[in-house]
PDB file of N, CA and C in Angstrom:
ATOM      1  N   UNK A   1      23.822 -10.041   5.276  1.00  0.00           N
ATOM      2  CA  UNK A   1      25.145  -9.970   5.871  1.00  0.00           C
ATOM      3  C   UNK A   1      25.047  -9.337   7.249  1.00  0.00           C
ATOM      4  N   UNK A   2      25.828  -9.828   8.119  1.00  0.00           N
ATOM      5  CA  UNK A   2      25.853  -9.260   9.462  1.00  0.00           C
ATOM      6  C   UNK A   2      26.811  -8.067   9.491  1.00  0.00           C
ATOM      7  N   UNK A   3      26.760  -7.344  10.569  1.00  0.00           N
ATOM      8  CA  UNK A   3      27.625  -6.181  10.729  1.00  0.00           C
ATOM      9  C   UNK A   3      29.095  -6.613  10.699  1.00  0.00           C
ATOM     10  N   UNK A   4      29.409  -7.722  11.335  1.00  0.00           N
ATOM     11  CA  UNK A   4      30.792  -8.206  11.362  1.00  0.00           C
ATOM     12  C   UNK A   4      31.267  -8.580   9.961  1.00  0.00           C
ATOM     13  N   UNK A   5      30.369  -9.173   9.178  1.00  0.00           N
ATOM     14  CA  UNK A   5      30.732  -9.535   7.803  1.00  0.00           C
ATOM     15  C   UNK A   5      31.050  -8.293   6.976  1.00  0.00           C
ATOM     16  N   UNK A   6      30.213  -7.291   7.094  1.00  0.00           N
ATOM     17  CA  UNK A   6      30.431  -6.052   6.345  1.00  0.00           C
ATOM     18  C   UNK A   6      31.708  -5.378   6.829  1.00  0.00           C
ATOM     19  N   UNK A   7      31.916  -5.407   8.098  1.00  0.00           N
ATOM     20  CA  UNK A   7      33.091  -4.778   8.686  1.00  0.00           C
ATOM     21  C   UNK A   7      34.386  -5.423   8.192  1.00  0.00           C
ATOM     22  N   UNK A   8      34.324  -6.713   7.911  1.00  0.00           N
ATOM     23  CA  UNK A   8      35.534  -7.417   7.479  1.00  0.00           C
ATOM     24  C   UNK A   8      35.821  -7.243   5.986  1.00  0.00           C
ATOM     25  N   UNK A   9      34.884  -6.680   5.239  1.00  0.00           N
ATOM     26  CA  UNK A   9      35.099  -6.459   3.806  1.00  0.00           C
ATOM     27  C   UNK A   9      36.109  -5.345   3.570  1.00  0.00           C
ATOM     28  N   UNK A  10      36.793  -5.390   2.444  1.00  0.00           N
ATOM     29  CA  UNK A  10      37.642  -4.258   2.066  1.00  0.00           C
ATOM     30  C   UNK A  10      36.769  -3.012   1.861  1.00  0.00           C
ATOM     31  N   UNK A  11      37.354  -1.854   2.020  1.00  0.00           N
ATOM     32  CA  UNK A  11      36.600  -0.601   2.022  1.00  0.00           C
ATOM     33  C   UNK A  11      35.816  -0.387   0.725  1.00  0.00           C
ATOM     34  N   UNK A  12      36.371  -0.764  -0.415  1.00  0.00           N
ATOM     35  CA  UNK A  12      35.654  -0.568  -1.682  1.00  0.00           C
ATOM     36  C   UNK A  12      34.400  -1.432  -1.738  1.00  0.00           C
ATOM     37  N   UNK A  13      34.502  -2.660  -1.263  1.00  0.00           N
ATOM     38  CA  UNK A  13      33.331  -3.530  -1.230  1.00  0.00           C
ATOM     39  C   UNK A  13      32.317  -3.042  -0.200  1.00  0.00           C
ATOM     40  N   UNK A  14      32.805  -2.531   0.909  1.00  0.00           N
ATOM     41  CA  UNK A  14      31.906  -1.972   1.925  1.00  0.00           C
ATOM     42  C   UNK A  14      31.090  -0.824   1.362  1.00  0.00           C
ATOM     43  N   UNK A  15      31.762   0.072   0.638  1.00  0.00           N
ATOM     44  CA  UNK A  15      31.058   1.204   0.018  1.00  0.00           C
ATOM     45  C   UNK A  15      30.029   0.720  -0.992  1.00  0.00           C
ATOM     46  N   UNK A  16      30.426  -0.272  -1.812  1.00  0.00           N
ATOM     47  CA  UNK A  16      29.482  -0.814  -2.780  1.00  0.00           C
ATOM     48  C   UNK A  16      28.274  -1.411  -2.070  1.00  0.00           C
ATOM     49  N   UNK A  17      28.533  -2.174  -1.006  1.00  0.00           N
ATOM     50  CA  UNK A  17      27.445  -2.814  -0.280  1.00  0.00           C
ATOM     51  C   UNK A  17      26.501  -1.774   0.318  1.00  0.00           C
ATOM     52  N   UNK A  18      27.044  -0.744   0.913  1.00  0.00           N
ATOM     53  CA  UNK A  18      26.203   0.296   1.509  1.00  0.00           C
ATOM     54  C   UNK A  18      25.424   1.063   0.452  1.00  0.00           C
ATOM     55  N   UNK A  19      26.041   1.356  -0.691  1.00  0.00           N
ATOM     56  CA  UNK A  19      25.329   2.015  -1.791  1.00  0.00           C
ATOM     57  C   UNK A  19      24.193   1.129  -2.303  1.00  0.00           C
ATOM     58  N   UNK A  20      24.477  -0.150  -2.458  1.00  0.00           N
ATOM     59  CA  UNK A  20      23.458  -1.089  -2.936  1.00  0.00           C
ATOM     60  C   UNK A  20      22.320  -1.225  -1.928  1.00  0.00           C
ATOM     61  N   UNK A  21      22.645  -1.244  -0.655  1.00  0.00           N
ATOM     62  CA  UNK A  21      21.643  -1.338   0.390  1.00  0.00           C
ATOM     63  C   UNK A  21      20.765  -0.086   0.415  1.00  0.00           C
ATOM     64  N   UNK A  22      21.379   1.079   0.265  1.00  0.00           N
ATOM     65  CA  UNK A  22      20.625   2.334   0.227  1.00  0.00           C
ATOM     66  C   UNK A  22      19.704   2.357  -0.992  1.00  0.00           C
ATOM     67  N   UNK A  23      20.192   1.878  -2.128  1.00  0.00           N
ATOM     68  CA  UNK A  23      19.374   1.829  -3.332  1.00  0.00           C
ATOM     69  C   UNK A  23      18.169   0.919  -3.130  1.00  0.00           C
ATOM     70  N   UNK A  24      18.375  -0.207  -2.482  1.00  0.00           N
ATOM     71  CA  UNK A  24      17.284  -1.149  -2.215  1.00  0.00           C
ATOM     72  C   UNK A  24      16.231  -0.526  -1.300  1.00  0.00           C
ATOM     73  N   UNK A  25      16.664   0.182  -0.264  1.00  0.00           N
ATOM     74  CA  UNK A  25      15.729   0.847   0.636  1.00  0.00           C
ATOM     75  C   UNK A  25      14.945   1.933  -0.100  1.00  0.00           C
ATOM     76  N   UNK A  26      15.603   2.675  -0.968  1.00  0.00           N
ATOM     77  CA  UNK A  26      14.907   3.704  -1.745  1.00  0.00           C
ATOM     78  C   UNK A  26      13.878   3.087  -2.694  1.00  0.00           C
ATOM     79  N   UNK A  27      14.233   1.977  -3.332  1.00  0.00           N
ATOM     80  CA  UNK A  27      13.284   1.293  -4.216  1.00  0.00           C
ATOM     81  C   UNK A  27      12.068   0.796  -3.435  1.00  0.00           C
ATOM     82  N   UNK A  28      12.316   0.272  -2.256  1.00  0.00           N
ATOM     83  CA  UNK A  28      11.219  -0.217  -1.424  1.00  0.00           C
ATOM     84  C   UNK A  28      10.308   0.932  -0.982  1.00  0.00           C
ATOM     85  N   UNK A  29      10.900   2.062  -0.632  1.00  0.00           N
ATOM     86  CA  UNK A  29      10.108   3.229  -0.231  1.00  0.00           C
ATOM     87  C   UNK A  29       9.269   3.736  -1.401  1.00  0.00           C
ATOM     88  N   UNK A  30       9.837   3.757  -2.594  1.00  0.00           N
ATOM     89  CA  UNK A  30       9.092   4.176  -3.781  1.00  0.00           C
ATOM     90  C   UNK A  30       7.923   3.226  -4.055  1.00  0.00           C
ATOM     91  N   UNK A  31       8.164   1.943  -3.898  1.00  0.00           N
ATOM     92  CA  UNK A  31       7.103   0.961  -4.114  1.00  0.00           C
ATOM     93  C   UNK A  31       5.967   1.165  -3.128  1.00  0.00           C
ATOM     94  N   UNK A  32       6.311   1.409  -1.877  1.00  0.00           N
ATOM     95  CA  UNK A  32       5.283   1.656  -0.861  1.00  0.00           C
ATOM     96  C   UNK A  32       4.507   2.922  -1.169  1.00  0.00           C
ATOM     97  N   UNK A  33       5.225   3.965  -1.586  1.00  0.00           N
ATOM     98  CA  UNK A  33       4.561   5.225  -1.908  1.00  0.00           C
ATOM     99  C   UNK A  33       3.614   5.044  -3.090  1.00  0.00           C
ATOM    100  N   UNK A  34       4.053   4.314  -4.109  1.00  0.00           N
ATOM    101  CA  UNK A  34       3.226   4.082  -5.281  1.00  0.00           C
ATOM    102  C   UNK A  34       1.984   3.267  -4.901  1.00  0.00           C
ATOM    103  N   UNK A  35       2.157   2.253  -4.074  1.00  0.00           N
ATOM    104  CA  UNK A  35       1.025   1.431  -3.645  1.00  0.00           C
ATOM    105  C   UNK A  35       0.043   2.248  -2.815  1.00  0.00           C
ATOM    106  N   UNK A  36       0.561   3.119  -1.969  1.00  0.00           N
ATOM    107  CA  UNK A  36      -0.292   3.969  -1.146  1.00  0.00           C
ATOM    108  C   UNK A  36      -1.080   4.934  -2.022  1.00  0.00           C
ATOM    109  N   UNK A  37      -0.432   5.509  -3.035  1.00  0.00           N
ATOM    110  CA  UNK A  37      -1.116   6.427  -3.939  1.00  0.00           C
ATOM    111  C   UNK A  37      -2.186   5.711  -4.758  1.00  0.00           C
ATOM    112  N   UNK A  38      -1.883   4.500  -5.207  1.00  0.00           N
ATOM    113  CA  UNK A  38      -2.861   3.735  -5.979  1.00  0.00           C
ATOM    114  C   UNK A  38      -4.060   3.361  -5.124  1.00  0.00           C
ATOM    115  N   UNK A  39      -3.815   2.990  -3.874  1.00  0.00           N
ATOM    116  CA  UNK A  39      -4.937   2.599  -3.017  1.00  0.00           C
ATOM    117  C   UNK A  39      -5.774   3.813  -2.641  1.00  0.00           C
ATOM    118  N   UNK A  40      -5.150   4.967  -2.478  1.00  0.00           N
ATOM    119  CA  UNK A  40      -5.928   6.157  -2.152  1.00  0.00           C
ATOM    120  C   UNK A  40      -6.721   6.639  -3.367  1.00  0.00           C
ATOM    121  N   UNK A  41      -6.193   6.430  -4.565  1.00  0.00           N
ATOM    122  CA  UNK A  41      -6.943   6.818  -5.762  1.00  0.00           C
ATOM    123  C   UNK A  41      -8.120   5.877  -5.980  1.00  0.00           C
ATOM    124  N   UNK A  42      -7.973   4.612  -5.614  1.00  0.00           N
ATOM    125  CA  UNK A  42      -9.083   3.670  -5.727  1.00  0.00           C
ATOM    126  C   UNK A  42     -10.175   4.017  -4.736  1.00  0.00           C
ATOM    127  N   UNK A  43      -9.800   4.427  -3.536  1.00  0.00           N
ATOM    128  CA  UNK A  43     -10.808   4.723  -2.529  1.00  0.00           C
ATOM    129  C   UNK A  43     -11.591   5.986  -2.883  1.00  0.00           C
ATOM    130  N   UNK A  44     -11.000   6.889  -3.660  1.00  0.00           N
ATOM    131  CA  UNK A  44     -11.721   8.089  -4.056  1.00  0.00           C
ATOM    132  C   UNK A  44     -12.745   7.780  -5.144  1.00  0.00           C
ATOM    133  N   UNK A  45     -12.608   6.627  -5.797  1.00  0.00           N
ATOM    134  CA  UNK A  45     -13.534   6.236  -6.843  1.00  0.00           C
ATOM    135  C   UNK A  45     -14.815   5.659  -6.232  1.00  0.00           C
ATOM    136  N   UNK A  46     -14.709   5.109  -5.036  1.00  0.00           N
ATOM    137  CA  UNK A  46     -15.887   4.516  -4.414  1.00  0.00           C
ATOM    138  C   UNK A  46     -16.915   5.584  -4.110  1.00  0.00           C
ATOM    139  N   UNK A  47     -18.136   5.151  -4.002  1.00  0.00           N
ATOM    140  CA  UNK A  47     -19.227   6.087  -3.821  1.00  0.00           C
ATOM    141  C   UNK A  47     -20.020   5.673  -2.590  1.00  0.00           C
ATOM    142  N   UNK A  48     -20.445   6.654  -1.806  1.00  0.00           N
ATOM    143  CA  UNK A  48     -21.269   6.379  -0.649  1.00  0.00           C
ATOM    144  C   UNK A  48     -22.681   6.031  -1.096  1.00  0.00           C
ATOM    145  N   UNK A  49     -23.224   5.009  -0.471  1.00  0.00           N
ATOM    146  CA  UNK A  49     -24.597   4.623  -0.773  1.00  0.00           C
ATOM    147  C   UNK A  49     -25.533   5.260   0.248  1.00  0.00           C
ATOM    148  N   UNK A  50     -26.632   5.812  -0.200  1.00  0.00           N
ATOM    149  CA  UNK A  50     -27.612   6.365   0.738  1.00  0.00           C
ATOM    150  C   UNK A  50     -28.383   5.213   1.374  1.00  0.00           C
ATOM    151  N   UNK A  51     -27.928   4.748   2.537  1.00  0.00           N
ATOM    152  CA  UNK A  51     -28.503   3.559   3.152  1.00  0.00           C
ATOM    153  C   UNK A  51     -29.965   3.748   3.544  1.00  0.00           C
ATOM    154  N   UNK A  52     -30.355   4.967   3.888  1.00  0.00           N
ATOM    155  CA  UNK A  52     -31.753   5.217   4.224  1.00  0.00           C
ATOM    156  C   UNK A  52     -32.658   4.896   3.049  1.00  0.00           C
ATOM    157  N   UNK A  53     -32.289   5.356   1.871  1.00  0.00           N
ATOM    158  CA  UNK A  53     -33.080   5.096   0.666  1.00  0.00           C
ATOM    159  C   UNK A  53     -33.064   3.615   0.310  1.00  0.00           C
ATOM    160  N   UNK A  54     -31.926   2.976   0.480  1.00  0.00           N
ATOM    161  CA  UNK A  54     -31.821   1.555   0.171  1.00  0.00           C
ATOM    162  C   UNK A  54     -32.744   0.764   1.084  1.00  0.00           C
ATOM    163  N   UNK A  55     -32.750   1.083   2.367  1.00  0.00           N
ATOM    164  CA  UNK A  55     -33.598   0.364   3.313  1.00  0.00           C
ATOM    165  C   UNK A  55     -35.079   0.625   3.035  1.00  0.00           C
ATOM    166  N   UNK A  56     -35.423   1.855   2.674  1.00  0.00           N
ATOM    167  CA  UNK A  56     -36.816   2.168   2.338  1.00  0.00           C
ATOM    168  C   UNK A  56     -37.272   1.380   1.108  1.00  0.00           C
ATOM    169  N   UNK A  57     -36.432   1.319   0.086  1.00  0.00           N
ATOM    170  CA  UNK A  57     -36.759   0.561  -1.122  1.00  0.00           C
ATOM    171  C   UNK A  57     -36.895  -0.924  -0.809  1.00  0.00           C
ATOM    172  N   UNK A  58     -36.017  -1.422   0.033  1.00  0.00           N
ATOM    173  CA  UNK A  58     -36.067  -2.822   0.416  1.00  0.00           C
ATOM    174  C   UNK A  58     -37.359  -3.115   1.181  1.00  0.00           C
ATOM    175  N   UNK A  59     -37.704  -2.232   2.122  1.00  0.00           N
ATOM    176  CA  UNK A  59     -38.918  -2.428   2.909  1.00  0.00           C
ATOM    177  C   UNK A  59     -40.162  -2.343   2.034  1.00  0.00           C
ATOM    178  N   UNK A  60     -40.186  -1.397   1.125  1.00  0.00           N
ATOM    179  CA  UNK A  60     -41.370  -1.248   0.259  1.00  0.00           C
ATOM    180  C   UNK A  60     -41.486  -2.440  -0.700  1.00  0.00           C
ATOM    181  N   UNK A  61     -40.375  -2.974  -1.176  1.00  0.00           N
ATOM    182  CA  UNK A  61     -40.442  -4.125  -2.080  1.00  0.00           C
ATOM    183  C   UNK A  61     -40.904  -5.356  -1.327  1.00  0.00           C
ATOM    184  N   UNK A  62     -40.553  -5.486  -0.052  1.00  0.00           N
ATOM    185  CA  UNK A  62     -41.017  -6.614   0.752  1.00  0.00           C
ATOM    186  C   UNK A  62     -42.505  -6.500   1.023  1.00  0.00           C
ATOM    187  N   UNK A  63     -42.982  -5.287   1.235  1.00  0.00           N
ATOM    188  CA  UNK A  63     -44.410  -5.088   1.504  1.00  0.00           C
ATOM    189  C   UNK A  63     -45.240  -5.454   0.272  1.00  0.00           C
ATOM    190  N   UNK A  64     -44.701  -5.168  -0.908  1.00  0.00           N
ATOM    191  CA  UNK A  64     -45.417  -5.483  -2.152  1.00  0.00           C
ATOM    192  C   UNK A  64     -45.531  -6.988  -2.357  1.00  0.00           C
ATOM    193  N   UNK A  65     -44.507  -7.740  -1.927  1.00  0.00           N
ATOM    194  CA  UNK A  65     -44.514  -9.191  -2.129  1.00  0.00           C
ATOM    195  C   UNK A  65     -45.520  -9.871  -1.218  1.00  0.00           C
ATOM    196  N   UNK A  66     -45.717  -9.330  -0.002  1.00  0.00           N
ATOM    197  CA  UNK A  66     -46.575  -9.992   0.966  1.00  0.00           C
ATOM    198  C   UNK A  66     -47.873  -9.313   0.971  1.00  0.00           C
TER     199      UNK A  66
END
């Protein structure tokens, strides 16, 4: 709805519309917060790989093959 449409509504409908709009924005904010928390909890589960050791193992395994 445009601003003019809302403005032309009777006051009771305007209040309902604004309450409903505020509720929708709050639900959207909660969804974003929940998604952000879930993604941050997933990232804490990941583990850093010691790339130096991985490269050394890879190099030594290649040397054994040749």
